[in-house]
Amino acid sequence: MPTRYDLSRPALGEMLAGQPRYRLDQLWTGLYRQLATVEELTTLPKALRTQLDADLPNALELVTEAVSDDGDTVKFLWKLDGGALVETVLMLYPDRATVCVSSQAGCAMGCRFCATGQAGFERHLTVGEIVEQVVRASRRAREGGRRVSNVVFMGMGEPFANYERVWPAVERLHDDIGLSARHITLSTVGVVPGIRRLTEEQLPVNLAVSLHAANDSLRDELVPINRRYPLEVLEDACRHYLAAKNRRLSFEWALIDGVNDRDRDARELAALCRRFPLPAHVNLIPLNPTPGWPTRGSAPAQVRRFQEQLEQLGANVTVRRNRGTEIAAACGQLAAGQPVQLSTRR
């Protein structure tokens, strides 16, 4: 049975066969623009609402909701059809809200410092399961007077390993919910065929590459997909993306104490950034604690030192503020209900 946000507009129209043609507009606008539940669509007859509620169930069953940062970070744990678990994070700011969505239950990329990667792969999410994460989080944001303006595919899973469902979901978020393409970010650990496909798409979304190392030897260890698509191949794909889109490319760099926060690492990263005609932007992320990776994140003083080194070498760099660490909602911690060992280090 299709879930509420799985069906395309034409397919939903077929489901409404026999109804007046304007019912499709009322239903589609209600679900995507108004972010309403079926029961809230009082422009539809009650009998039709009852039927649609049964024929188009929600894809996401809320298991738990955890809140931190004085209510500004909310993590949702959802159960999917078949029992798989995924997580979504809503981050509230004074004037906006961002949703971090998952694209897979688990992940097959095997990055050892990431809780999702430690859990292994279970299954791909459907278009509807991805879209509904944004809708449900948007409703939650609306309760606090915020509007979701940004969506980042940085939750559980590798988006480009599920491209056939992720991209239609991106189009639905843009075309039907109304999010700007420039406020949608796809993150990848370096799945080069996905970057090349993204280069050919019409929507100018943002690309973020989880880099973490700027030499093949270290990256092979931290990000195993690098053995298939080494840095030279990855750089070439990113260069073509920049030429086609003229959008800023971001490199994500999880700082690991004594592993990739050394002087040499800063020099290699800055040199890589300078090889692009439009310099890449570096997001530094102090490594968040996970149960299967014993190495600690870089200390705050070392994070600042690494940032200053990059700036002196001409790199554009920011340090991402960790949100939701105490509820295992920060980068690399999404484990869909598995226990995550939280650090007490300050």
C-alpha atoms as a PDB file:
ATOM      1  CA  MET A   1       0.000   0.000   0.000  1.00  0.00           C
ATOM      2  CA  PRO A   2       1.406   3.452  -0.891  1.00  0.00           C
ATOM      3  CA  THR A   3       1.912   5.847   1.973  1.00  0.00           C
ATOM      4  CA  ARG A   4       0.710   9.440   2.101  1.00  0.00           C
ATOM      5  CA  TYR A   5       3.603  11.107   0.302  1.00  0.00           C
ATOM      6  CA  ASP A   6       4.647   8.263  -2.007  1.00  0.00           C
ATOM      7  CA  LEU A   7       2.262   8.978  -4.860  1.00  0.00           C
ATOM      8  CA  SER A   8       2.930  11.488  -7.617  1.00  0.00           C
ATOM      9  CA  ARG A   9       0.223  13.997  -8.470  1.00  0.00           C
ATOM     10  CA  PRO A  10      -1.006  11.969 -11.502  1.00  0.00           C
ATOM     11  CA  ALA A  11      -1.117   8.780  -9.406  1.00  0.00           C
ATOM     12  CA  LEU A  12      -3.053  10.590  -6.692  1.00  0.00           C
ATOM     13  CA  GLY A  13      -5.443  11.813  -9.375  1.00  0.00           C
ATOM     14  CA  GLU A  14      -6.101   8.195 -10.392  1.00  0.00           C
ATOM     15  CA  MET A  15      -6.925   7.381  -6.784  1.00  0.00           C
ATOM     16  CA  LEU A  16      -9.501  10.197  -6.862  1.00  0.00           C
ATOM     17  CA  ALA A  17     -11.184   8.892 -10.019  1.00  0.00           C
ATOM     18  CA  GLY A  18     -14.891   9.681  -9.837  1.00  0.00           C
ATOM     19  CA  GLN A  19     -14.350  12.768  -7.677  1.00  0.00           C
ATOM     20  CA  PRO A  20     -14.661  16.322  -9.049  1.00  0.00           C
ATOM     21  CA  ARG A  21     -11.364  17.385 -10.668  1.00  0.00           C
ATOM     22  CA  TYR A  22     -10.801  20.175  -8.152  1.00  0.00           C
ATOM     23  CA  ARG A  23     -10.534  17.616  -5.335  1.00  0.00           C
ATOM     24  CA  LEU A  24      -7.014  16.780  -6.517  1.00  0.00           C
ATOM     25  CA  ASP A  25      -5.965  20.434  -6.195  1.00  0.00           C
ATOM     26  CA  GLN A  26      -7.489  20.618  -2.729  1.00  0.00           C
ATOM     27  CA  LEU A  27      -5.755  17.456  -1.564  1.00  0.00           C
ATOM     28  CA  TRP A  28      -2.357  18.190  -3.142  1.00  0.00           C
ATOM     29  CA  THR A  29      -2.289  21.779  -1.874  1.00  0.00           C
ATOM     30  CA  GLY A  30      -3.376  20.664   1.576  1.00  0.00           C
ATOM     31  CA  LEU A  31      -0.706  17.989   1.889  1.00  0.00           C
ATOM     32  CA  TYR A  32       2.213  19.920   0.400  1.00  0.00           C
ATOM     33  CA  ARG A  33       1.590  23.639   0.812  1.00  0.00           C
ATOM     34  CA  GLN A  34      -0.498  23.662   3.956  1.00  0.00           C
ATOM     35  CA  LEU A  35       1.365  20.656   5.456  1.00  0.00           C
ATOM     36  CA  ALA A  36      -1.982  19.507   6.772  1.00  0.00           C
ATOM     37  CA  THR A  37      -3.136  16.093   7.898  1.00  0.00           C
ATOM     38  CA  VAL A  38      -5.956  14.532   5.887  1.00  0.00           C
ATOM     39  CA  GLU A  39      -8.353  15.104   8.771  1.00  0.00           C
ATOM     40  CA  GLU A  40      -7.525  18.831   8.761  1.00  0.00           C
ATOM     41  CA  LEU A  41      -8.570  19.209   5.102  1.00  0.00           C
ATOM     42  CA  THR A  42     -12.104  20.332   5.833  1.00  0.00           C
ATOM     43  CA  THR A  43     -12.558  21.456   2.207  1.00  0.00           C
ATOM     44  CA  LEU A  44     -12.915  17.729   1.460  1.00  0.00           C
ATOM     45  CA  PRO A  45     -16.099  15.823   2.376  1.00  0.00           C
ATOM     46  CA  LYS A  46     -15.796  13.877   5.609  1.00  0.00           C
ATOM     47  CA  ALA A  47     -16.423  10.547   3.887  1.00  0.00           C
ATOM     48  CA  LEU A  48     -13.576  11.228   1.453  1.00  0.00           C
ATOM     49  CA  ARG A  49     -11.256  12.245   4.282  1.00  0.00           C
ATOM     50  CA  THR A  50     -12.027   8.992   6.093  1.00  0.00           C
ATOM     51  CA  GLN A  51     -11.325   6.998   2.945  1.00  0.00           C
ATOM     52  CA  LEU A  52      -8.079   8.827   2.197  1.00  0.00           C
ATOM     53  CA  ASP A  53      -6.884   8.469   5.771  1.00  0.00           C
ATOM     54  CA  ALA A  54      -7.242   4.699   5.406  1.00  0.00           C
ATOM     55  CA  ASP A  55      -5.902   4.448   1.835  1.00  0.00           C
ATOM     56  CA  LEU A  56      -2.938   6.811   2.380  1.00  0.00           C
ATOM     57  CA  PRO A  57      -1.473   6.051   5.808  1.00  0.00           C
ATOM     58  CA  ASN A  58       1.516   7.860   7.249  1.00  0.00           C
ATOM     59  CA  ALA A  59       4.843   6.207   6.492  1.00  0.00           C
ATOM     60  CA  LEU A  60       6.439   7.264   9.774  1.00  0.00           C
ATOM     61  CA  GLU A  61       5.341   6.005  13.169  1.00  0.00           C
ATOM     62  CA  LEU A  62       6.785   8.174  15.928  1.00  0.00           C
ATOM     63  CA  VAL A  63       8.639   6.065  18.502  1.00  0.00           C
ATOM     64  CA  THR A  64      10.314   8.777  20.566  1.00  0.00           C
ATOM     65  CA  GLU A  65      11.017  12.492  20.444  1.00  0.00           C
ATOM     66  CA  ALA A  66      14.075  13.864  22.240  1.00  0.00           C
ATOM     67  CA  VAL A  67      14.732  17.562  22.877  1.00  0.00           C
ATOM     68  CA  SER A  68      17.917  19.449  23.768  1.00  0.00           C
ATOM     69  CA  ASP A  69      19.517  22.909  23.481  1.00  0.00           C
ATOM     70  CA  ASP A  70      16.628  24.453  25.451  1.00  0.00           C
ATOM     71  CA  GLY A  71      14.148  23.110  22.949  1.00  0.00           C
ATOM     72  CA  ASP A  72      16.022  24.251  19.848  1.00  0.00           C
ATOM     73  CA  THR A  73      17.080  20.759  18.728  1.00  0.00           C
ATOM     74  CA  VAL A  74      14.533  17.973  18.326  1.00  0.00           C
ATOM     75  CA  LYS A  75      15.349  14.407  17.300  1.00  0.00           C
ATOM     76  CA  PHE A  76      12.580  12.150  16.028  1.00  0.00           C
ATOM     77  CA  LEU A  77      12.921   8.360  16.026  1.00  0.00           C
ATOM     78  CA  TRP A  78      10.563   6.823  13.462  1.00  0.00           C
ATOM     79  CA  LYS A  79       9.544   3.232  12.775  1.00  0.00           C
ATOM     80  CA  LEU A  80       8.989   2.360   9.120  1.00  0.00           C
ATOM     81  CA  ASP A  81       6.970  -0.368   7.464  1.00  0.00           C
ATOM     82  CA  GLY A  82       8.768  -3.631   8.172  1.00  0.00           C
ATOM     83  CA  GLY A  83      10.194  -2.380  11.462  1.00  0.00           C
ATOM     84  CA  ALA A  84      13.270  -0.420  10.305  1.00  0.00           C
ATOM     85  CA  LEU A  85      14.138   2.625  12.422  1.00  0.00           C
ATOM     86  CA  VAL A  86      15.412   6.006  11.211  1.00  0.00           C
ATOM     87  CA  GLU A  87      15.999   9.415  12.753  1.00  0.00           C
ATOM     88  CA  THR A  88      15.336  13.006  11.723  1.00  0.00           C
ATOM     89  CA  VAL A  89      16.715  16.124  13.412  1.00  0.00           C
ATOM     90  CA  LEU A  90      14.988  19.511  13.512  1.00  0.00           C
ATOM     91  CA  MET A  91      17.182  22.499  14.388  1.00  0.00           C
ATOM     92  CA  LEU A  92      15.407  25.703  15.341  1.00  0.00           C
ATOM     93  CA  TYR A  93      17.017  29.138  15.008  1.00  0.00           C
ATOM     94  CA  PRO A  94      15.568  32.572  15.847  1.00  0.00           C
ATOM     95  CA  ASP A  95      14.375  33.230  12.295  1.00  0.00           C
ATOM     96  CA  ARG A  96      14.318  29.847  10.564  1.00  0.00           C
ATOM     97  CA  ALA A  97      14.490  26.083  10.926  1.00  0.00           C
ATOM     98  CA  THR A  98      16.581  23.363   9.310  1.00  0.00           C
ATOM     99  CA  VAL A  99      15.666  19.695   8.915  1.00  0.00           C
ATOM    100  CA  CYS A 100      18.351  17.012   8.680  1.00  0.00           C
ATOM    101  CA  VAL A 101      16.753  14.047   6.911  1.00  0.00           C
ATOM    102  CA  SER A 102      17.714  10.411   6.493  1.00  0.00           C
ATOM    103  CA  SER A 103      17.769   8.693   3.113  1.00  0.00           C
ATOM    104  CA  GLN A 104      18.445   5.114   4.211  1.00  0.00           C
ATOM    105  CA  ALA A 105      17.864   2.927   7.243  1.00  0.00           C
ATOM    106  CA  GLY A 106      21.471   2.316   8.182  1.00  0.00           C
ATOM    107  CA  CYS A 107      24.362   2.829   5.773  1.00  0.00           C
ATOM    108  CA  ALA A 108      26.671   0.582   3.763  1.00  0.00           C
ATOM    109  CA  MET A 109      29.543   3.066   3.419  1.00  0.00           C
ATOM    110  CA  GLY A 110      31.359   1.729   6.487  1.00  0.00           C
ATOM    111  CA  CYS A 111      32.847   4.978   7.824  1.00  0.00           C
ATOM    112  CA  ARG A 112      34.128   3.704  11.151  1.00  0.00           C
ATOM    113  CA  PHE A 113      33.663   6.902  13.169  1.00  0.00           C
ATOM    114  CA  CYS A 114      29.968   7.255  12.196  1.00  0.00           C
ATOM    115  CA  ALA A 115      27.315   5.539  14.321  1.00  0.00           C
ATOM    116  CA  THR A 116      25.086   4.907  11.301  1.00  0.00           C
ATOM    117  CA  GLY A 117      27.957   3.314   9.415  1.00  0.00           C
ATOM    118  CA  GLN A 118      28.765   1.136  12.415  1.00  0.00           C
ATOM    119  CA  ALA A 119      25.173  -0.154  12.347  1.00  0.00           C
ATOM    120  CA  GLY A 120      25.324  -1.399   8.747  1.00  0.00           C
ATOM    121  CA  PHE A 121      22.726  -1.122   5.992  1.00  0.00           C
ATOM    122  CA  GLU A 122      19.097  -2.212   6.306  1.00  0.00           C
ATOM    123  CA  ARG A 123      17.142  -0.663   3.416  1.00  0.00           C
ATOM    124  CA  HIS A 124      16.535   2.370   1.231  1.00  0.00           C
ATOM    125  CA  LEU A 125      13.866   4.890   2.162  1.00  0.00           C
ATOM    126  CA  THR A 126      11.061   5.591  -0.296  1.00  0.00           C
ATOM    127  CA  VAL A 127      10.255   8.999  -1.756  1.00  0.00           C
ATOM    128  CA  GLY A 128       7.319   9.292   0.611  1.00  0.00           C
ATOM    129  CA  GLU A 129       9.352   8.361   3.685  1.00  0.00           C
ATOM    130  CA  ILE A 130      11.885  11.064   2.861  1.00  0.00           C
ATOM    131  CA  VAL A 131       9.303  13.761   2.100  1.00  0.00           C
ATOM    132  CA  GLU A 132       7.232  12.947   5.174  1.00  0.00           C
ATOM    133  CA  GLN A 133      10.240  13.577   7.428  1.00  0.00           C
ATOM    134  CA  VAL A 134      10.293  17.181   6.200  1.00  0.00           C
ATOM    135  CA  VAL A 135       6.523  17.570   6.502  1.00  0.00           C
ATOM    136  CA  ARG A 136       6.334  16.199  10.035  1.00  0.00           C
ATOM    137  CA  ALA A 137       9.334  18.241  11.198  1.00  0.00           C
ATOM    138  CA  SER A 138       7.859  21.340   9.539  1.00  0.00           C
ATOM    139  CA  ARG A 139       4.650  20.926  11.489  1.00  0.00           C
ATOM    140  CA  ARG A 140       6.676  20.690  14.684  1.00  0.00           C
ATOM    141  CA  ALA A 141       8.600  23.842  13.754  1.00  0.00           C
ATOM    142  CA  ARG A 142       5.354  25.657  13.005  1.00  0.00           C
ATOM    143  CA  GLU A 143       4.186  25.016  16.570  1.00  0.00           C
ATOM    144  CA  GLY A 144       7.018  27.299  17.683  1.00  0.00           C
ATOM    145  CA  GLY A 145       6.386  29.930  15.046  1.00  0.00           C
ATOM    146  CA  ARG A 146       9.234  28.846  12.750  1.00  0.00           C
ATOM    147  CA  ARG A 147       9.197  27.927   9.088  1.00  0.00           C
ATOM    148  CA  VAL A 148      11.507  25.266   7.705  1.00  0.00           C
ATOM    149  CA  SER A 149      13.627  26.941   5.062  1.00  0.00           C
ATOM    150  CA  ASN A 150      16.575  24.540   4.816  1.00  0.00           C
ATOM    151  CA  VAL A 151      16.804  20.795   4.288  1.00  0.00           C
ATOM    152  CA  VAL A 152      20.091  18.917   4.524  1.00  0.00           C
ATOM    153  CA  PHE A 153      20.484  15.280   3.510  1.00  0.00           C
ATOM    154  CA  MET A 154      22.992  14.623   6.288  1.00  0.00           C
ATOM    155  CA  GLY A 155      21.040  12.136   8.361  1.00  0.00           C
ATOM    156  CA  MET A 156      21.258   8.361   8.191  1.00  0.00           C
ATOM    157  CA  GLY A 157      22.457   6.849   4.925  1.00  0.00           C
ATOM    158  CA  GLU A 158      24.324   7.857   1.774  1.00  0.00           C
ATOM    159  CA  PRO A 159      21.938   9.893  -0.424  1.00  0.00           C
ATOM    160  CA  PHE A 160      23.678   9.007  -3.691  1.00  0.00           C
ATOM    161  CA  ALA A 161      23.384   5.288  -2.939  1.00  0.00           C
ATOM    162  CA  ASN A 162      19.602   5.852  -3.017  1.00  0.00           C
ATOM    163  CA  TYR A 163      19.594   8.360  -5.870  1.00  0.00           C
ATOM    164  CA  GLU A 164      16.476   6.941  -7.585  1.00  0.00           C
ATOM    165  CA  ARG A 165      14.367   7.944  -4.586  1.00  0.00           C
ATOM    166  CA  VAL A 166      16.323  10.866  -3.180  1.00  0.00           C
ATOM    167  CA  TRP A 167      16.180  12.994  -6.307  1.00  0.00           C
ATOM    168  CA  PRO A 168      12.388  12.673  -6.813  1.00  0.00           C
ATOM    169  CA  ALA A 169      12.052  13.615  -3.134  1.00  0.00           C
ATOM    170  CA  VAL A 170      14.221  16.700  -3.727  1.00  0.00           C
ATOM    171  CA  GLU A 171      11.994  17.672  -6.662  1.00  0.00           C
ATOM    172  CA  ARG A 172       8.899  17.228  -4.493  1.00  0.00           C
ATOM    173  CA  LEU A 173      10.411  19.422  -1.761  1.00  0.00           C
ATOM    174  CA  HIS A 174      11.226  22.111  -4.322  1.00  0.00           C
ATOM    175  CA  ASP A 175       8.252  21.977  -6.684  1.00  0.00           C
ATOM    176  CA  ASP A 176       5.435  21.173  -4.277  1.00  0.00           C
ATOM    177  CA  ILE A 177       6.459  22.189  -0.761  1.00  0.00           C
ATOM    178  CA  GLY A 178       8.172  25.274  -2.166  1.00  0.00           C
ATOM    179  CA  LEU A 179      11.698  25.090  -0.744  1.00  0.00           C
ATOM    180  CA  SER A 180      14.399  26.950  -2.639  1.00  0.00           C
ATOM    181  CA  ALA A 181      16.897  24.669  -4.399  1.00  0.00           C
ATOM    182  CA  ARG A 182      19.664  26.812  -2.933  1.00  0.00           C
ATOM    183  CA  HIS A 183      18.449  25.841   0.531  1.00  0.00           C
ATOM    184  CA  ILE A 184      18.635  22.085  -0.135  1.00  0.00           C
ATOM    185  CA  THR A 185      21.976  20.348   0.459  1.00  0.00           C
ATOM    186  CA  LEU A 186      22.947  16.830  -0.560  1.00  0.00           C
ATOM    187  CA  SER A 187      25.864  15.331   1.323  1.00  0.00           C
ATOM    188  CA  THR A 188      27.983  12.439   0.083  1.00  0.00           C
ATOM    189  CA  VAL A 189      31.063  10.591   1.269  1.00  0.00           C
ATOM    190  CA  GLY A 190      32.284  10.661  -2.318  1.00  0.00           C
ATOM    191  CA  VAL A 191      30.005   8.480  -4.458  1.00  0.00           C
ATOM    192  CA  VAL A 192      31.290   9.852  -7.753  1.00  0.00           C
ATOM    193  CA  PRO A 193      28.513   8.531 -10.046  1.00  0.00           C
ATOM    194  CA  GLY A 194      25.997  10.386  -7.870  1.00  0.00           C
ATOM    195  CA  ILE A 195      27.973  13.638  -8.150  1.00  0.00           C
ATOM    196  CA  ARG A 196      28.055  13.238 -11.916  1.00  0.00           C
ATOM    197  CA  ARG A 197      24.306  12.646 -12.045  1.00  0.00           C
ATOM    198  CA  LEU A 198      23.714  15.677  -9.844  1.00  0.00           C
ATOM    199  CA  THR A 199      25.772  17.755 -12.276  1.00  0.00           C
ATOM    200  CA  GLU A 200      23.215  16.993 -15.006  1.00  0.00           C
ATOM    201  CA  GLU A 201      20.129  17.897 -12.938  1.00  0.00           C
ATOM    202  CA  GLN A 202      18.299  21.174 -13.463  1.00  0.00           C
ATOM    203  CA  LEU A 203      17.877  22.225  -9.832  1.00  0.00           C
ATOM    204  CA  PRO A 204      20.961  24.046  -8.454  1.00  0.00           C
ATOM    205  CA  VAL A 205      21.072  22.339  -5.065  1.00  0.00           C
ATOM    206  CA  ASN A 206      24.145  22.469  -2.839  1.00  0.00           C
ATOM    207  CA  LEU A 207      26.750  19.713  -2.694  1.00  0.00           C
ATOM    208  CA  ALA A 208      28.663  18.833   0.472  1.00  0.00           C
ATOM    209  CA  VAL A 209      31.411  16.203   0.391  1.00  0.00           C
ATOM    210  CA  SER A 210      32.347  14.438   3.620  1.00  0.00           C
ATOM    211  CA  LEU A 211      36.086  14.531   3.025  1.00  0.00           C
ATOM    212  CA  HIS A 212      37.822  14.013   6.408  1.00  0.00           C
ATOM    213  CA  ALA A 213      41.244  13.411   4.798  1.00  0.00           C
ATOM    214  CA  ALA A 214      43.100  14.970   1.869  1.00  0.00           C
ATOM    215  CA  ASN A 215      45.444  12.099   1.091  1.00  0.00           C
ATOM    216  CA  ASP A 216      44.379   8.694  -0.196  1.00  0.00           C
ATOM    217  CA  SER A 217      46.172   6.651   2.449  1.00  0.00           C
ATOM    218  CA  LEU A 218      44.329   8.211   5.386  1.00  0.00           C
ATOM    219  CA  ARG A 219      41.050   8.585   3.515  1.00  0.00           C
ATOM    220  CA  ASP A 220      41.111   4.900   2.563  1.00  0.00           C
ATOM    221  CA  GLU A 221      41.088   4.152   6.284  1.00  0.00           C
ATOM    222  CA  LEU A 222      38.485   6.705   7.376  1.00  0.00           C
ATOM    223  CA  VAL A 223      36.164   6.611   4.341  1.00  0.00           C
ATOM    224  CA  PRO A 224      36.377   3.181   2.637  1.00  0.00           C
ATOM    225  CA  ILE A 225      34.565   4.345  -0.541  1.00  0.00           C
ATOM    226  CA  ASN A 226      37.793   6.218  -1.319  1.00  0.00           C
ATOM    227  CA  ARG A 227      39.321   2.907  -2.417  1.00  0.00           C
ATOM    228  CA  ARG A 228      36.803   2.834  -5.263  1.00  0.00           C
ATOM    229  CA  TYR A 229      36.790   6.575  -6.002  1.00  0.00           C
ATOM    230  CA  PRO A 230      40.149   8.006  -4.892  1.00  0.00           C
ATOM    231  CA  LEU A 231      40.734  11.703  -4.404  1.00  0.00           C
ATOM    232  CA  GLU A 232      41.838  12.388  -7.984  1.00  0.00           C
ATOM    233  CA  VAL A 233      38.582  10.929  -9.330  1.00  0.00           C
ATOM    234  CA  LEU A 234      36.523  12.698  -6.659  1.00  0.00           C
ATOM    235  CA  GLU A 235      38.190  16.045  -7.395  1.00  0.00           C
ATOM    236  CA  ASP A 236      37.462  15.666 -11.099  1.00  0.00           C
ATOM    237  CA  ALA A 237      33.757  15.029 -10.457  1.00  0.00           C
ATOM    238  CA  CYS A 238      33.575  18.012  -8.088  1.00  0.00           C
ATOM    239  CA  ARG A 239      35.331  20.223 -10.630  1.00  0.00           C
ATOM    240  CA  HIS A 240      32.723  19.336 -13.270  1.00  0.00           C
ATOM    241  CA  TYR A 241      29.946  20.027 -10.761  1.00  0.00           C
ATOM    242  CA  LEU A 242      31.350  23.490 -10.076  1.00  0.00           C
ATOM    243  CA  ALA A 243      31.691  24.249 -13.781  1.00  0.00           C
ATOM    244  CA  ALA A 244      28.087  23.245 -14.422  1.00  0.00           C
ATOM    245  CA  LYS A 245      26.417  24.830 -11.386  1.00  0.00           C
ATOM    246  CA  ASN A 246      28.704  27.662 -10.258  1.00  0.00           C
ATOM    247  CA  ARG A 247      27.625  26.798  -6.726  1.00  0.00           C
ATOM    248  CA  ARG A 248      29.811  26.728  -3.647  1.00  0.00           C
ATOM    249  CA  LEU A 249      31.243  23.308  -2.883  1.00  0.00           C
ATOM    250  CA  SER A 250      31.601  22.377   0.776  1.00  0.00           C
ATOM    251  CA  PHE A 251      33.975  19.894   2.347  1.00  0.00           C
ATOM    252  CA  GLU A 252      32.949  18.391   5.683  1.00  0.00           C
ATOM    253  CA  TRP A 253      35.882  17.558   7.956  1.00  0.00           C
ATOM    254  CA  ALA A 254      35.292  15.711  11.239  1.00  0.00           C
ATOM    255  CA  LEU A 255      38.293  16.608  13.394  1.00  0.00           C
ATOM    256  CA  ILE A 256      39.750  13.520  15.081  1.00  0.00           C
ATOM    257  CA  ASP A 257      42.376  14.007  17.766  1.00  0.00           C
ATOM    258  CA  GLY A 258      45.828  13.136  16.431  1.00  0.00           C
ATOM    259  CA  VAL A 259      44.429  11.618  13.224  1.00  0.00           C
ATOM    260  CA  ASN A 260      43.454  14.432  10.833  1.00  0.00           C
ATOM    261  CA  ASP A 261      44.042  17.612  12.860  1.00  0.00           C
ATOM    262  CA  ARG A 262      47.828  17.880  12.344  1.00  0.00           C
ATOM    263  CA  ASP A 263      49.802  20.577  10.520  1.00  0.00           C
ATOM    264  CA  ARG A 264      50.255  18.232   7.585  1.00  0.00           C
ATOM    265  CA  ASP A 265      46.496  17.686   7.348  1.00  0.00           C
ATOM    266  CA  ALA A 266      45.858  21.433   7.251  1.00  0.00           C
ATOM    267  CA  ARG A 267      48.402  21.907   4.454  1.00  0.00           C
ATOM    268  CA  GLU A 268      46.963  19.044   2.389  1.00  0.00           C
ATOM    269  CA  LEU A 269      43.390  20.263   2.830  1.00  0.00           C
ATOM    270  CA  ALA A 270      44.216  23.875   1.960  1.00  0.00           C
ATOM    271  CA  ALA A 271      46.113  22.741  -1.126  1.00  0.00           C
ATOM    272  CA  LEU A 272      43.141  20.657  -2.277  1.00  0.00           C
ATOM    273  CA  CYS A 273      40.770  23.600  -1.815  1.00  0.00           C
ATOM    274  CA  ARG A 274      43.019  25.857  -3.880  1.00  0.00           C
ATOM    275  CA  ARG A 275      42.959  23.442  -6.815  1.00  0.00           C
ATOM    276  CA  PHE A 276      39.365  24.418  -7.587  1.00  0.00           C
ATOM    277  CA  PRO A 277      38.628  27.520  -9.699  1.00  0.00           C
ATOM    278  CA  LEU A 278      35.989  28.496  -7.142  1.00  0.00           C
ATOM    279  CA  PRO A 279      37.616  27.708  -3.767  1.00  0.00           C
ATOM    280  CA  ALA A 280      35.798  25.099  -1.713  1.00  0.00           C
ATOM    281  CA  HIS A 281      34.413  25.966   1.711  1.00  0.00           C
ATOM    282  CA  VAL A 282      35.505  23.835   4.669  1.00  0.00           C
ATOM    283  CA  ASN A 283      33.128  22.963   7.507  1.00  0.00           C
ATOM    284  CA  LEU A 284      35.101  21.750  10.513  1.00  0.00           C
ATOM    285  CA  ILE A 285      33.158  19.436  12.815  1.00  0.00           C
ATOM    286  CA  PRO A 286      34.750  18.265  16.078  1.00  0.00           C
ATOM    287  CA  LEU A 287      34.210  14.492  16.059  1.00  0.00           C
ATOM    288  CA  ASN A 288      31.163  13.467  18.050  1.00  0.00           C
ATOM    289  CA  PRO A 289      31.356  10.405  20.320  1.00  0.00           C
ATOM    290  CA  THR A 290      30.050   7.060  19.046  1.00  0.00           C
ATOM    291  CA  PRO A 291      30.231   3.620  20.652  1.00  0.00           C
ATOM    292  CA  GLY A 292      32.285   1.881  17.963  1.00  0.00           C
ATOM    293  CA  TRP A 293      35.124   4.390  17.517  1.00  0.00           C
ATOM    294  CA  PRO A 294      37.506   4.878  20.450  1.00  0.00           C
ATOM    295  CA  THR A 295      39.304   7.968  19.112  1.00  0.00           C
ATOM    296  CA  ARG A 296      38.213  11.305  20.546  1.00  0.00           C
ATOM    297  CA  GLY A 297      37.378  14.489  18.772  1.00  0.00           C
ATOM    298  CA  SER A 298      39.913  17.291  18.717  1.00  0.00           C
ATOM    299  CA  ALA A 299      39.941  19.532  21.782  1.00  0.00           C
ATOM    300  CA  PRO A 300      38.487  23.051  21.360  1.00  0.00           C
ATOM    301  CA  ALA A 301      41.955  24.662  21.397  1.00  0.00           C
ATOM    302  CA  GLN A 302      43.129  22.355  18.617  1.00  0.00           C
ATOM    303  CA  VAL A 303      39.979  23.034  16.591  1.00  0.00           C
ATOM    304  CA  ARG A 304      40.750  26.758  16.765  1.00  0.00           C
ATOM    305  CA  ARG A 305      44.388  26.169  15.855  1.00  0.00           C
ATOM    306  CA  PHE A 306      43.443  24.029  12.855  1.00  0.00           C
ATOM    307  CA  GLN A 307      40.964  26.678  11.720  1.00  0.00           C
ATOM    308  CA  GLU A 308      43.615  29.413  11.993  1.00  0.00           C
ATOM    309  CA  GLN A 309      46.106  27.329  10.023  1.00  0.00           C
ATOM    310  CA  LEU A 310      43.599  26.835   7.207  1.00  0.00           C
ATOM    311  CA  GLU A 311      42.779  30.539   7.129  1.00  0.00           C
ATOM    312  CA  GLN A 312      46.460  31.447   6.972  1.00  0.00           C
ATOM    313  CA  LEU A 313      46.793  29.076   4.013  1.00  0.00           C
ATOM    314  CA  GLY A 314      43.956  30.830   2.195  1.00  0.00           C
ATOM    315  CA  ALA A 315      41.087  28.432   2.849  1.00  0.00           C
ATOM    316  CA  ASN A 316      37.506  29.506   3.555  1.00  0.00           C
ATOM    317  CA  VAL A 317      36.551  27.770   6.785  1.00  0.00           C
ATOM    318  CA  THR A 318      33.907  27.706   9.496  1.00  0.00           C
ATOM    319  CA  VAL A 319      33.502  25.560  12.603  1.00  0.00           C
ATOM    320  CA  ARG A 320      30.108  23.946  12.854  1.00  0.00           C
ATOM    321  CA  ARG A 321      28.458  24.271  16.215  1.00  0.00           C
ATOM    322  CA  ASN A 322      27.406  20.854  17.472  1.00  0.00           C
ATOM    323  CA  ARG A 323      23.677  20.673  18.134  1.00  0.00           C
ATOM    324  CA  GLY A 324      22.008  17.912  20.103  1.00  0.00           C
ATOM    325  CA  THR A 325      25.134  16.067  21.254  1.00  0.00           C
ATOM    326  CA  GLU A 326      23.560  15.091  24.578  1.00  0.00           C
ATOM    327  CA  ILE A 327      20.643  13.373  22.793  1.00  0.00           C
ATOM    328  CA  ALA A 328      22.894  11.715  20.161  1.00  0.00           C
ATOM    329  CA  ALA A 329      21.475  13.990  17.462  1.00  0.00           C
ATOM    330  CA  ALA A 330      24.730  15.580  16.297  1.00  0.00           C
ATOM    331  CA  CYS A 331      26.700  14.784  13.131  1.00  0.00           C
ATOM    332  CA  GLY A 332      27.709  11.135  12.984  1.00  0.00           C
ATOM    333  CA  GLN A 333      25.623  10.096  15.994  1.00  0.00           C
ATOM    334  CA  LEU A 334      22.351   9.014  14.381  1.00  0.00           C
ATOM    335  CA  ALA A 335      21.973   5.356  15.256  1.00  0.00           C
ATOM    336  CA  ALA A 336      18.192   4.825  15.211  1.00  0.00           C
ATOM    337  CA  GLY A 337      17.726   3.817  18.792  1.00  0.00           C
ATOM    338  CA  GLN A 338      21.014   2.037  19.317  1.00  0.00           C
ATOM    339  CA  PRO A 339      22.917   3.160  22.430  1.00  0.00           C
ATOM    340  CA  VAL A 340      25.502   5.858  21.731  1.00  0.00           C
ATOM    341  CA  GLN A 341      28.188   6.447  24.344  1.00  0.00           C
ATOM    342  CA  LEU A 342      28.151  10.158  25.129  1.00  0.00           C
ATOM    343  CA  SER A 343      31.335  11.953  26.112  1.00  0.00           C
ATOM    344  CA  THR A 344      31.660  14.083  29.233  1.00  0.00           C
ATOM    345  CA  ARG A 345      34.727  15.851  27.867  1.00  0.00           C
ATOM    346  CA  ARG A 346      34.408  19.655  27.666  1.00  0.00           C
END
